[in-house]
Amino acid sequence: MPSRTARPSGKRTALSVLIGLVAPFLYVAVAPFLLGGVSVKIFGFPFLYFWIFSSFVFTSVCLAICWYAIDGPVHQEFDAGFDTGPGAGSDAGEEW
């Protein structure tokens, strides 16, 4: 049975923070300063508005990558040793 204190390794945690927190922050906070002078319109929106709106999709993709590629397998290995089926952990057969 796996240990209850199992944690992702340091490299996985650092990569997860980089992809899930730092990349979206740079996308929203730093890039607009670099792209502020662009006068292109996309779907009728100024480029900078489109950039900020696209940050919702970008952030969701980053978090999905963190979960499915980095953190998810660690948690699946952790949960593999525990019974999670119907009635698991319930005291249905016991009386108080």
PDB file of N, CA and C in Angstrom:
ATOM      1  N   MET A   1       0.848  -1.168   0.000  1.00  0.00           N
ATOM      2  CA  MET A   1       0.000   0.000   0.000  1.00  0.00           C
ATOM      3  C   MET A   1       0.896   1.234   0.000  1.00  0.00           C
ATOM      4  N   PRO A   2       0.581   2.249  -0.855  1.00  0.00           N
ATOM      5  CA  PRO A   2       1.414   3.437  -0.902  1.00  0.00           C
ATOM      6  C   PRO A   2       1.317   4.246   0.388  1.00  0.00           C
ATOM      7  N   SER A   3       2.341   5.016   0.603  1.00  0.00           N
ATOM      8  CA  SER A   3       2.374   5.872   1.781  1.00  0.00           C
ATOM      9  C   SER A   3       1.363   7.006   1.624  1.00  0.00           C
ATOM     10  N   ARG A   4       0.721   7.386   2.707  1.00  0.00           N
ATOM     11  CA  ARG A   4      -0.245   8.485   2.680  1.00  0.00           C
ATOM     12  C   ARG A   4       0.437   9.828   2.430  1.00  0.00           C
ATOM     13  N   THR A   5       1.734   9.888   2.581  1.00  0.00           N
ATOM     14  CA  THR A   5       2.453  11.148   2.414  1.00  0.00           C
ATOM     15  C   THR A   5       3.166  11.226   1.072  1.00  0.00           C
ATOM     16  N   ALA A   6       2.786  10.410   0.103  1.00  0.00           N
ATOM     17  CA  ALA A   6       3.431  10.426  -1.202  1.00  0.00           C
ATOM     18  C   ALA A   6       3.223  11.784  -1.863  1.00  0.00           C
ATOM     19  N   ARG A   7       4.279  12.339  -2.407  1.00  0.00           N
ATOM     20  CA  ARG A   7       4.246  13.642  -3.056  1.00  0.00           C
ATOM     21  C   ARG A   7       4.968  13.539  -4.397  1.00  0.00           C
ATOM     22  N   PRO A   8       4.625  14.426  -5.342  1.00  0.00           N
ATOM     23  CA  PRO A   8       5.373  14.456  -6.589  1.00  0.00           C
ATOM     24  C   PRO A   8       6.822  14.846  -6.320  1.00  0.00           C
ATOM     25  N   SER A   9       7.708  14.417  -7.198  1.00  0.00           N
ATOM     26  CA  SER A   9       9.117  14.763  -7.030  1.00  0.00           C
ATOM     27  C   SER A   9       9.317  16.256  -7.250  1.00  0.00           C
ATOM     28  N   GLY A  10      10.455  16.754  -6.829  1.00  0.00           N
ATOM     29  CA  GLY A  10      10.753  18.174  -6.949  1.00  0.00           C
ATOM     30  C   GLY A  10      10.743  18.671  -8.385  1.00  0.00           C
ATOM     31  N   LYS A  11      11.262  17.854  -9.317  1.00  0.00           N
ATOM     32  CA  LYS A  11      11.278  18.253 -10.722  1.00  0.00           C
ATOM     33  C   LYS A  11       9.860  18.366 -11.268  1.00  0.00           C
ATOM     34  N   ARG A  12       9.002  17.417 -10.901  1.00  0.00           N
ATOM     35  CA  ARG A  12       7.617  17.471 -11.363  1.00  0.00           C
ATOM     36  C   ARG A  12       6.902  18.683 -10.804  1.00  0.00           C
ATOM     37  N   THR A  13       7.132  18.979  -9.540  1.00  0.00           N
ATOM     38  CA  THR A  13       6.481  20.129  -8.928  1.00  0.00           C
ATOM     39  C   THR A  13       6.958  21.421  -9.575  1.00  0.00           C
ATOM     40  N   ALA A  14       8.249  21.547  -9.807  1.00  0.00           N
ATOM     41  CA  ALA A  14       8.795  22.758 -10.428  1.00  0.00           C
ATOM     42  C   ALA A  14       8.256  22.936 -11.847  1.00  0.00           C
ATOM     43  N   LEU A  15       8.197  21.860 -12.601  1.00  0.00           N
ATOM     44  CA  LEU A  15       7.668  21.935 -13.962  1.00  0.00           C
ATOM     45  C   LEU A  15       6.188  22.287 -13.946  1.00  0.00           C
ATOM     46  N   SER A  16       5.463  21.730 -13.004  1.00  0.00           N
ATOM     47  CA  SER A  16       4.044  22.018 -12.880  1.00  0.00           C
ATOM     48  C   SER A  16       3.808  23.490 -12.549  1.00  0.00           C
ATOM     49  N   VAL A  17       4.592  24.036 -11.650  1.00  0.00           N
ATOM     50  CA  VAL A  17       4.468  25.457 -11.296  1.00  0.00           C
ATOM     51  C   VAL A  17       4.857  26.331 -12.487  1.00  0.00           C
ATOM     52  N   LEU A  18       5.896  25.943 -13.199  1.00  0.00           N
ATOM     53  CA  LEU A  18       6.331  26.718 -14.356  1.00  0.00           C
ATOM     54  C   LEU A  18       5.247  26.774 -15.424  1.00  0.00           C
ATOM     55  N   ILE A  19       4.672  25.632 -15.746  1.00  0.00           N
ATOM     56  CA  ILE A  19       3.654  25.582 -16.795  1.00  0.00           C
ATOM     57  C   ILE A  19       2.314  26.141 -16.317  1.00  0.00           C
ATOM     58  N   GLY A  20       1.930  25.832 -15.088  1.00  0.00           N
ATOM     59  CA  GLY A  20       0.602  26.205 -14.621  1.00  0.00           C
ATOM     60  C   GLY A  20       0.491  27.590 -14.026  1.00  0.00           C
ATOM     61  N   LEU A  21       1.604  28.183 -13.611  1.00  0.00           N
ATOM     62  CA  LEU A  21       1.527  29.486 -12.951  1.00  0.00           C
ATOM     63  C   LEU A  21       2.368  30.553 -13.662  1.00  0.00           C
ATOM     64  N   VAL A  22       3.605  30.237 -13.936  1.00  0.00           N
ATOM     65  CA  VAL A  22       4.508  31.232 -14.504  1.00  0.00           C
ATOM     66  C   VAL A  22       4.147  31.550 -15.956  1.00  0.00           C
ATOM     67  N   ALA A  23       3.903  30.528 -16.776  1.00  0.00           N
ATOM     68  CA  ALA A  23       3.587  30.772 -18.188  1.00  0.00           C
ATOM     69  C   ALA A  23       2.322  31.619 -18.359  1.00  0.00           C
ATOM     70  N   PRO A  24       1.199  31.288 -17.687  1.00  0.00           N
ATOM     71  CA  PRO A  24       0.024  32.166 -17.821  1.00  0.00           C
ATOM     72  C   PRO A  24       0.274  33.584 -17.292  1.00  0.00           C
ATOM     73  N   PHE A  25       1.046  33.718 -16.216  1.00  0.00           N
ATOM     74  CA  PHE A  25       1.345  35.047 -15.691  1.00  0.00           C
ATOM     75  C   PHE A  25       2.111  35.865 -16.725  1.00  0.00           C
ATOM     76  N   LEU A  26       3.130  35.273 -17.329  1.00  0.00           N
ATOM     77  CA  LEU A  26       3.896  35.983 -18.348  1.00  0.00           C
ATOM     78  C   LEU A  26       3.018  36.317 -19.557  1.00  0.00           C
ATOM     79  N   TYR A  27       2.133  35.415 -19.915  1.00  0.00           N
ATOM     80  CA  TYR A  27       1.229  35.610 -21.045  1.00  0.00           C
ATOM     81  C   TYR A  27       0.341  36.831 -20.825  1.00  0.00           C
ATOM     82  N   VAL A  28      -0.141  37.004 -19.591  1.00  0.00           N
ATOM     83  CA  VAL A  28      -1.079  38.090 -19.297  1.00  0.00           C
ATOM     84  C   VAL A  28      -0.373  39.372 -18.860  1.00  0.00           C
ATOM     85  N   ALA A  29       0.663  39.272 -18.067  1.00  0.00           N
ATOM     86  CA  ALA A  29       1.251  40.457 -17.450  1.00  0.00           C
ATOM     87  C   ALA A  29       2.415  41.072 -18.224  1.00  0.00           C
ATOM     88  N   VAL A  30       3.175  40.257 -18.922  1.00  0.00           N
ATOM     89  CA  VAL A  30       4.378  40.780 -19.571  1.00  0.00           C
ATOM     90  C   VAL A  30       4.160  41.016 -21.063  1.00  0.00           C
ATOM     91  N   ALA A  31       3.577  40.061 -21.743  1.00  0.00           N
ATOM     92  CA  ALA A  31       3.436  40.162 -23.195  1.00  0.00           C
ATOM     93  C   ALA A  31       2.660  41.402 -23.654  1.00  0.00           C
ATOM     94  N   PRO A  32       1.587  41.830 -22.981  1.00  0.00           N
ATOM     95  CA  PRO A  32       0.888  43.034 -23.456  1.00  0.00           C
ATOM     96  C   PRO A  32       1.775  44.283 -23.506  1.00  0.00           C
ATOM     97  N   PHE A  33       2.746  44.388 -22.618  1.00  0.00           N
ATOM     98  CA  PHE A  33       3.660  45.525 -22.677  1.00  0.00           C
ATOM     99  C   PHE A  33       4.534  45.462 -23.928  1.00  0.00           C
ATOM    100  N   LEU A  34       4.857  44.248 -24.340  1.00  0.00           N
ATOM    101  CA  LEU A  34       5.673  44.083 -25.539  1.00  0.00           C
ATOM    102  C   LEU A  34       4.850  44.233 -26.814  1.00  0.00           C
ATOM    103  N   LEU A  35       3.546  43.932 -26.729  1.00  0.00           N
ATOM    104  CA  LEU A  35       2.679  43.947 -27.906  1.00  0.00           C
ATOM    105  C   LEU A  35       1.760  45.158 -27.953  1.00  0.00           C
ATOM    106  N   GLY A  36       1.948  46.116 -27.074  1.00  0.00           N
ATOM    107  CA  GLY A  36       1.055  47.261 -26.968  1.00  0.00           C
ATOM    108  C   GLY A  36       0.982  48.124 -28.216  1.00  0.00           C
ATOM    109  N   GLY A  37       2.017  48.161 -29.007  1.00  0.00           N
ATOM    110  CA  GLY A  37       2.041  49.010 -30.192  1.00  0.00           C
ATOM    111  C   GLY A  37       1.451  48.370 -31.437  1.00  0.00           C
ATOM    112  N   VAL A  38       1.020  47.135 -31.352  1.00  0.00           N
ATOM    113  CA  VAL A  38       0.480  46.435 -32.523  1.00  0.00           C
ATOM    114  C   VAL A  38      -0.914  46.977 -32.814  1.00  0.00           C
ATOM    115  N   SER A  39      -1.178  47.349 -34.078  1.00  0.00           N
ATOM    116  CA  SER A  39      -2.470  47.938 -34.433  1.00  0.00           C
ATOM    117  C   SER A  39      -3.328  47.011 -35.296  1.00  0.00           C
ATOM    118  N   VAL A  40      -3.077  45.739 -35.269  1.00  0.00           N
ATOM    119  CA  VAL A  40      -3.838  44.758 -36.039  1.00  0.00           C
ATOM    120  C   VAL A  40      -5.160  44.485 -35.334  1.00  0.00           C
ATOM    121  N   LYS A  41      -6.223  44.210 -36.129  1.00  0.00           N
ATOM    122  CA  LYS A  41      -7.513  43.823 -35.554  1.00  0.00           C
ATOM    123  C   LYS A  41      -7.810  42.385 -35.937  1.00  0.00           C
ATOM    124  N   ILE A  42      -8.291  41.603 -34.965  1.00  0.00           N
ATOM    125  CA  ILE A  42      -8.650  40.203 -35.189  1.00  0.00           C
ATOM    126  C   ILE A  42     -10.110  40.045 -34.799  1.00  0.00           C
ATOM    127  N   PHE A  43     -10.937  39.605 -35.737  1.00  0.00           N
ATOM    128  CA  PHE A  43     -12.373  39.477 -35.525  1.00  0.00           C
ATOM    129  C   PHE A  43     -12.985  40.792 -35.046  1.00  0.00           C
ATOM    130  N   GLY A  44     -12.442  41.906 -35.476  1.00  0.00           N
ATOM    131  CA  GLY A  44     -12.957  43.215 -35.107  1.00  0.00           C
ATOM    132  C   GLY A  44     -12.440  43.753 -33.787  1.00  0.00           C
ATOM    133  N   PHE A  45     -11.679  42.965 -33.055  1.00  0.00           N
ATOM    134  CA  PHE A  45     -11.116  43.404 -31.774  1.00  0.00           C
ATOM    135  C   PHE A  45      -9.685  43.885 -31.987  1.00  0.00           C
ATOM    136  N   PRO A  46      -9.274  44.903 -31.255  1.00  0.00           N
ATOM    137  CA  PRO A  46      -7.843  45.243 -31.281  1.00  0.00           C
ATOM    138  C   PRO A  46      -7.019  44.034 -30.812  1.00  0.00           C
ATOM    139  N   PHE A  47      -5.824  43.926 -31.325  1.00  0.00           N
ATOM    140  CA  PHE A  47      -4.994  42.749 -31.050  1.00  0.00           C
ATOM    141  C   PHE A  47      -4.809  42.517 -29.557  1.00  0.00           C
ATOM    142  N   LEU A  48      -4.613  43.573 -28.797  1.00  0.00           N
ATOM    143  CA  LEU A  48      -4.379  43.421 -27.365  1.00  0.00           C
ATOM    144  C   LEU A  48      -5.596  42.839 -26.648  1.00  0.00           C
ATOM    145  N   TYR A  49      -6.813  43.243 -27.033  1.00  0.00           N
ATOM    146  CA  TYR A  49      -8.032  42.660 -26.445  1.00  0.00           C
ATOM    147  C   TYR A  49      -8.120  41.177 -26.782  1.00  0.00           C
ATOM    148  N   PHE A  50      -7.847  40.855 -28.047  1.00  0.00           N
ATOM    149  CA  PHE A  50      -7.864  39.450 -28.455  1.00  0.00           C
ATOM    150  C   PHE A  50      -6.835  38.654 -27.658  1.00  0.00           C
ATOM    151  N   TRP A  51      -5.669  39.234 -27.410  1.00  0.00           N
ATOM    152  CA  TRP A  51      -4.609  38.565 -26.643  1.00  0.00           C
ATOM    153  C   TRP A  51      -5.095  38.241 -25.227  1.00  0.00           C
ATOM    154  N   ILE A  52      -5.721  39.218 -24.571  1.00  0.00           N
ATOM    155  CA  ILE A  52      -6.200  39.005 -23.209  1.00  0.00           C
ATOM    156  C   ILE A  52      -7.337  37.983 -23.197  1.00  0.00           C
ATOM    157  N   PHE A  53      -8.263  38.057 -24.151  1.00  0.00           N
ATOM    158  CA  PHE A  53      -9.347  37.059 -24.217  1.00  0.00           C
ATOM    159  C   PHE A  53      -8.785  35.661 -24.440  1.00  0.00           C
ATOM    160  N   SER A  54      -7.750  35.564 -25.265  1.00  0.00           N
ATOM    161  CA  SER A  54      -7.166  34.246 -25.537  1.00  0.00           C
ATOM    162  C   SER A  54      -6.424  33.692 -24.319  1.00  0.00           C
ATOM    163  N   SER A  55      -6.151  34.545 -23.338  1.00  0.00           N
ATOM    164  CA  SER A  55      -5.468  34.064 -22.135  1.00  0.00           C
ATOM    165  C   SER A  55      -6.331  33.077 -21.354  1.00  0.00           C
ATOM    166  N   PHE A  56      -7.656  33.181 -21.470  1.00  0.00           N
ATOM    167  CA  PHE A  56      -8.531  32.211 -20.806  1.00  0.00           C
ATOM    168  C   PHE A  56      -8.281  30.804 -21.355  1.00  0.00           C
ATOM    169  N   VAL A  57      -8.207  30.699 -22.657  1.00  0.00           N
ATOM    170  CA  VAL A  57      -7.960  29.403 -23.297  1.00  0.00           C
ATOM    171  C   VAL A  57      -6.538  28.931 -22.986  1.00  0.00           C
ATOM    172  N   PHE A  58      -5.582  29.836 -23.090  1.00  0.00           N
ATOM    173  CA  PHE A  58      -4.175  29.491 -22.833  1.00  0.00           C
ATOM    174  C   PHE A  58      -3.988  28.962 -21.410  1.00  0.00           C
ATOM    175  N   THR A  59      -4.583  29.648 -20.436  1.00  0.00           N
ATOM    176  CA  THR A  59      -4.450  29.226 -19.041  1.00  0.00           C
ATOM    177  C   THR A  59      -5.098  27.863 -18.824  1.00  0.00           C
ATOM    178  N   SER A  60      -6.255  27.635 -19.426  1.00  0.00           N
ATOM    179  CA  SER A  60      -6.923  26.330 -19.297  1.00  0.00           C
ATOM    180  C   SER A  60      -6.077  25.217 -19.894  1.00  0.00           C
ATOM    181  N   VAL A  61      -5.462  25.483 -21.027  1.00  0.00           N
ATOM    182  CA  VAL A  61      -4.596  24.478 -21.658  1.00  0.00           C
ATOM    183  C   VAL A  61      -3.374  24.203 -20.781  1.00  0.00           C
ATOM    184  N   CYS A  62      -2.792  25.244 -20.199  1.00  0.00           N
ATOM    185  CA  CYS A  62      -1.639  25.053 -19.315  1.00  0.00           C
ATOM    186  C   CYS A  62      -2.009  24.205 -18.101  1.00  0.00           C
ATOM    187  N   LEU A  63      -3.154  24.476 -17.507  1.00  0.00           N
ATOM    188  CA  LEU A  63      -3.580  23.698 -16.338  1.00  0.00           C
ATOM    189  C   LEU A  63      -3.904  22.260 -16.722  1.00  0.00           C
ATOM    190  N   ALA A  64      -4.478  22.056 -17.903  1.00  0.00           N
ATOM    191  CA  ALA A  64      -4.748  20.691 -18.366  1.00  0.00           C
ATOM    192  C   ALA A  64      -3.447  19.922 -18.577  1.00  0.00           C
ATOM    193  N   ILE A  65      -2.452  20.583 -19.143  1.00  0.00           N
ATOM    194  CA  ILE A  65      -1.143  19.942 -19.323  1.00  0.00           C
ATOM    195  C   ILE A  65      -0.558  19.565 -17.968  1.00  0.00           C
ATOM    196  N   CYS A  66      -0.658  20.470 -17.013  1.00  0.00           N
ATOM    197  CA  CYS A  66      -0.125  20.184 -15.668  1.00  0.00           C
ATOM    198  C   CYS A  66      -0.810  18.966 -15.071  1.00  0.00           C
ATOM    199  N   TRP A  67      -2.110  18.890 -15.189  1.00  0.00           N
ATOM    200  CA  TRP A  67      -2.825  17.791 -14.548  1.00  0.00           C
ATOM    201  C   TRP A  67      -2.620  16.471 -15.284  1.00  0.00           C
ATOM    202  N   TYR A  68      -2.881  16.452 -16.584  1.00  0.00           N
ATOM    203  CA  TYR A  68      -2.863  15.182 -17.318  1.00  0.00           C
ATOM    204  C   TYR A  68      -1.461  14.667 -17.591  1.00  0.00           C
ATOM    205  N   ALA A  69      -0.484  15.550 -17.736  1.00  0.00           N
ATOM    206  CA  ALA A  69       0.857  15.086 -18.079  1.00  0.00           C
ATOM    207  C   ALA A  69       1.802  15.010 -16.884  1.00  0.00           C
ATOM    208  N   ILE A  70       1.571  15.827 -15.861  1.00  0.00           N
ATOM    209  CA  ILE A  70       2.541  15.899 -14.777  1.00  0.00           C
ATOM    210  C   ILE A  70       1.959  15.397 -13.466  1.00  0.00           C
ATOM    211  N   ASP A  71       0.898  16.025 -12.981  1.00  0.00           N
ATOM    212  CA  ASP A  71       0.362  15.705 -11.661  1.00  0.00           C
ATOM    213  C   ASP A  71      -0.583  14.515 -11.649  1.00  0.00           C
ATOM    214  N   GLY A  72      -1.364  14.346 -12.683  1.00  0.00           N
ATOM    215  CA  GLY A  72      -2.354  13.274 -12.718  1.00  0.00           C
ATOM    216  C   GLY A  72      -1.776  11.885 -12.507  1.00  0.00           C
ATOM    217  N   PRO A  73      -0.714  11.504 -13.259  1.00  0.00           N
ATOM    218  CA  PRO A  73      -0.139  10.172 -13.054  1.00  0.00           C
ATOM    219  C   PRO A  73       0.372   9.946 -11.635  1.00  0.00           C
ATOM    220  N   VAL A  74       0.894  10.976 -10.997  1.00  0.00           N
ATOM    221  CA  VAL A  74       1.382  10.837  -9.621  1.00  0.00           C
ATOM    222  C   VAL A  74       0.215  10.525  -8.696  1.00  0.00           C
ATOM    223  N   HIS A  75      -0.885  11.244  -8.854  1.00  0.00           N
ATOM    224  CA  HIS A  75      -2.040  11.031  -7.991  1.00  0.00           C
ATOM    225  C   HIS A  75      -2.721   9.697  -8.291  1.00  0.00           C
ATOM    226  N   GLN A  76      -2.691   9.257  -9.541  1.00  0.00           N
ATOM    227  CA  GLN A  76      -3.262   7.955  -9.875  1.00  0.00           C
ATOM    228  C   GLN A  76      -2.466   6.840  -9.219  1.00  0.00           C
ATOM    229  N   GLU A  77      -1.142   6.958  -9.212  1.00  0.00           N
ATOM    230  CA  GLU A  77      -0.319   5.959  -8.532  1.00  0.00           C
ATOM    231  C   GLU A  77      -0.597   5.979  -7.036  1.00  0.00           C
ATOM    232  N   PHE A  78      -0.767   7.167  -6.485  1.00  0.00           N
ATOM    233  CA  PHE A  78      -1.042   7.317  -5.059  1.00  0.00           C
ATOM    234  C   PHE A  78      -2.380   6.682  -4.695  1.00  0.00           C
ATOM    235  N   ASP A  79      -3.395   6.903  -5.532  1.00  0.00           N
ATOM    236  CA  ASP A  79      -4.735   6.390  -5.249  1.00  0.00           C
ATOM    237  C   ASP A  79      -4.895   4.907  -5.584  1.00  0.00           C
ATOM    238  N   ALA A  80      -3.962   4.336  -6.331  1.00  0.00           N
ATOM    239  CA  ALA A  80      -4.112   2.954  -6.794  1.00  0.00           C
ATOM    240  C   ALA A  80      -4.211   1.959  -5.649  1.00  0.00           C
ATOM    241  N   GLY A  81      -3.592   2.238  -4.525  1.00  0.00           N
ATOM    242  CA  GLY A  81      -3.590   1.295  -3.420  1.00  0.00           C
ATOM    243  C   GLY A  81      -4.784   1.418  -2.496  1.00  0.00           C
ATOM    244  N   PHE A  82      -5.677   2.343  -2.791  1.00  0.00           N
ATOM    245  CA  PHE A  82      -6.814   2.556  -1.910  1.00  0.00           C
ATOM    246  C   PHE A  82      -8.102   2.147  -2.605  1.00  0.00           C
ATOM    247  N   ASP A  83      -9.026   1.562  -1.846  1.00  0.00           N
ATOM    248  CA  ASP A  83     -10.308   1.142  -2.390  1.00  0.00           C
ATOM    249  C   ASP A  83     -11.189   2.371  -2.549  1.00  0.00           C
ATOM    250  N   THR A  84     -11.564   2.667  -3.798  1.00  0.00           N
ATOM    251  CA  THR A  84     -12.410   3.829  -4.049  1.00  0.00           C
ATOM    252  C   THR A  84     -13.727   3.422  -4.690  1.00  0.00           C
ATOM    253  N   GLY A  85     -14.074   2.154  -4.626  1.00  0.00           N
ATOM    254  CA  GLY A  85     -15.314   1.674  -5.227  1.00  0.00           C
ATOM    255  C   GLY A  85     -16.532   2.083  -4.425  1.00  0.00           C
ATOM    256  N   PRO A  86     -17.716   1.652  -4.883  1.00  0.00           N
ATOM    257  CA  PRO A  86     -18.940   2.002  -4.174  1.00  0.00           C
ATOM    258  C   PRO A  86     -18.914   1.476  -2.739  1.00  0.00           C
ATOM    259  N   GLY A  87     -19.248   2.304  -1.818  1.00  0.00           N
ATOM    260  CA  GLY A  87     -19.280   1.905  -0.418  1.00  0.00           C
ATOM    261  C   GLY A  87     -17.935   1.914   0.260  1.00  0.00           C
ATOM    262  N   ALA A  88     -16.888   2.334  -0.467  1.00  0.00           N
ATOM    263  CA  ALA A  88     -15.553   2.355   0.138  1.00  0.00           C
ATOM    264  C   ALA A  88     -15.518   3.393   1.253  1.00  0.00           C
ATOM    265  N   GLY A  89     -15.041   3.014   2.373  1.00  0.00           N
ATOM    266  CA  GLY A  89     -14.917   3.924   3.483  1.00  0.00           C
ATOM    267  C   GLY A  89     -16.189   4.143   4.257  1.00  0.00           C
ATOM    268  N   SER A  90     -17.279   3.577   3.789  1.00  0.00           N
ATOM    269  CA  SER A  90     -18.523   3.778   4.524  1.00  0.00           C
ATOM    270  C   SER A  90     -18.651   2.732   5.635  1.00  0.00           C
ATOM    271  N   ASP A  91     -19.381   3.054   6.607  1.00  0.00           N
ATOM    272  CA  ASP A  91     -19.603   2.153   7.711  1.00  0.00           C
ATOM    273  C   ASP A  91     -20.992   1.550   7.617  1.00  0.00           C
ATOM    274  N   ALA A  92     -21.418   1.184   6.407  1.00  0.00           N
ATOM    275  CA  ALA A  92     -22.777   0.704   6.186  1.00  0.00           C
ATOM    276  C   ALA A  92     -23.069  -0.567   6.969  1.00  0.00           C
ATOM    277  N   GLY A  93     -22.073  -1.423   7.144  1.00  0.00           N
ATOM    278  CA  GLY A  93     -22.303  -2.688   7.833  1.00  0.00           C
ATOM    279  C   GLY A  93     -22.116  -2.608   9.338  1.00  0.00           C
ATOM    280  N   GLU A  94     -21.679  -1.482   9.811  1.00  0.00           N
ATOM    281  CA  GLU A  94     -21.393  -1.343  11.242  1.00  0.00           C
ATOM    282  C   GLU A  94     -22.474  -0.521  11.920  1.00  0.00           C
ATOM    283  N   GLU A  95     -22.713  -0.825  13.150  1.00  0.00           N
ATOM    284  CA  GLU A  95     -23.668  -0.056  13.947  1.00  0.00           C
ATOM    285  C   GLU A  95     -22.892   0.844  14.889  1.00  0.00           C
ATOM    286  N   TRP A  96     -23.466   1.953  15.239  1.00  0.00           N
ATOM    287  CA  TRP A  96     -22.811   2.870  16.167  1.00  0.00           C
ATOM    288  C   TRP A  96     -22.861   2.283  17.512  1.00  0.00           C
TER     289      TRP A  96
END
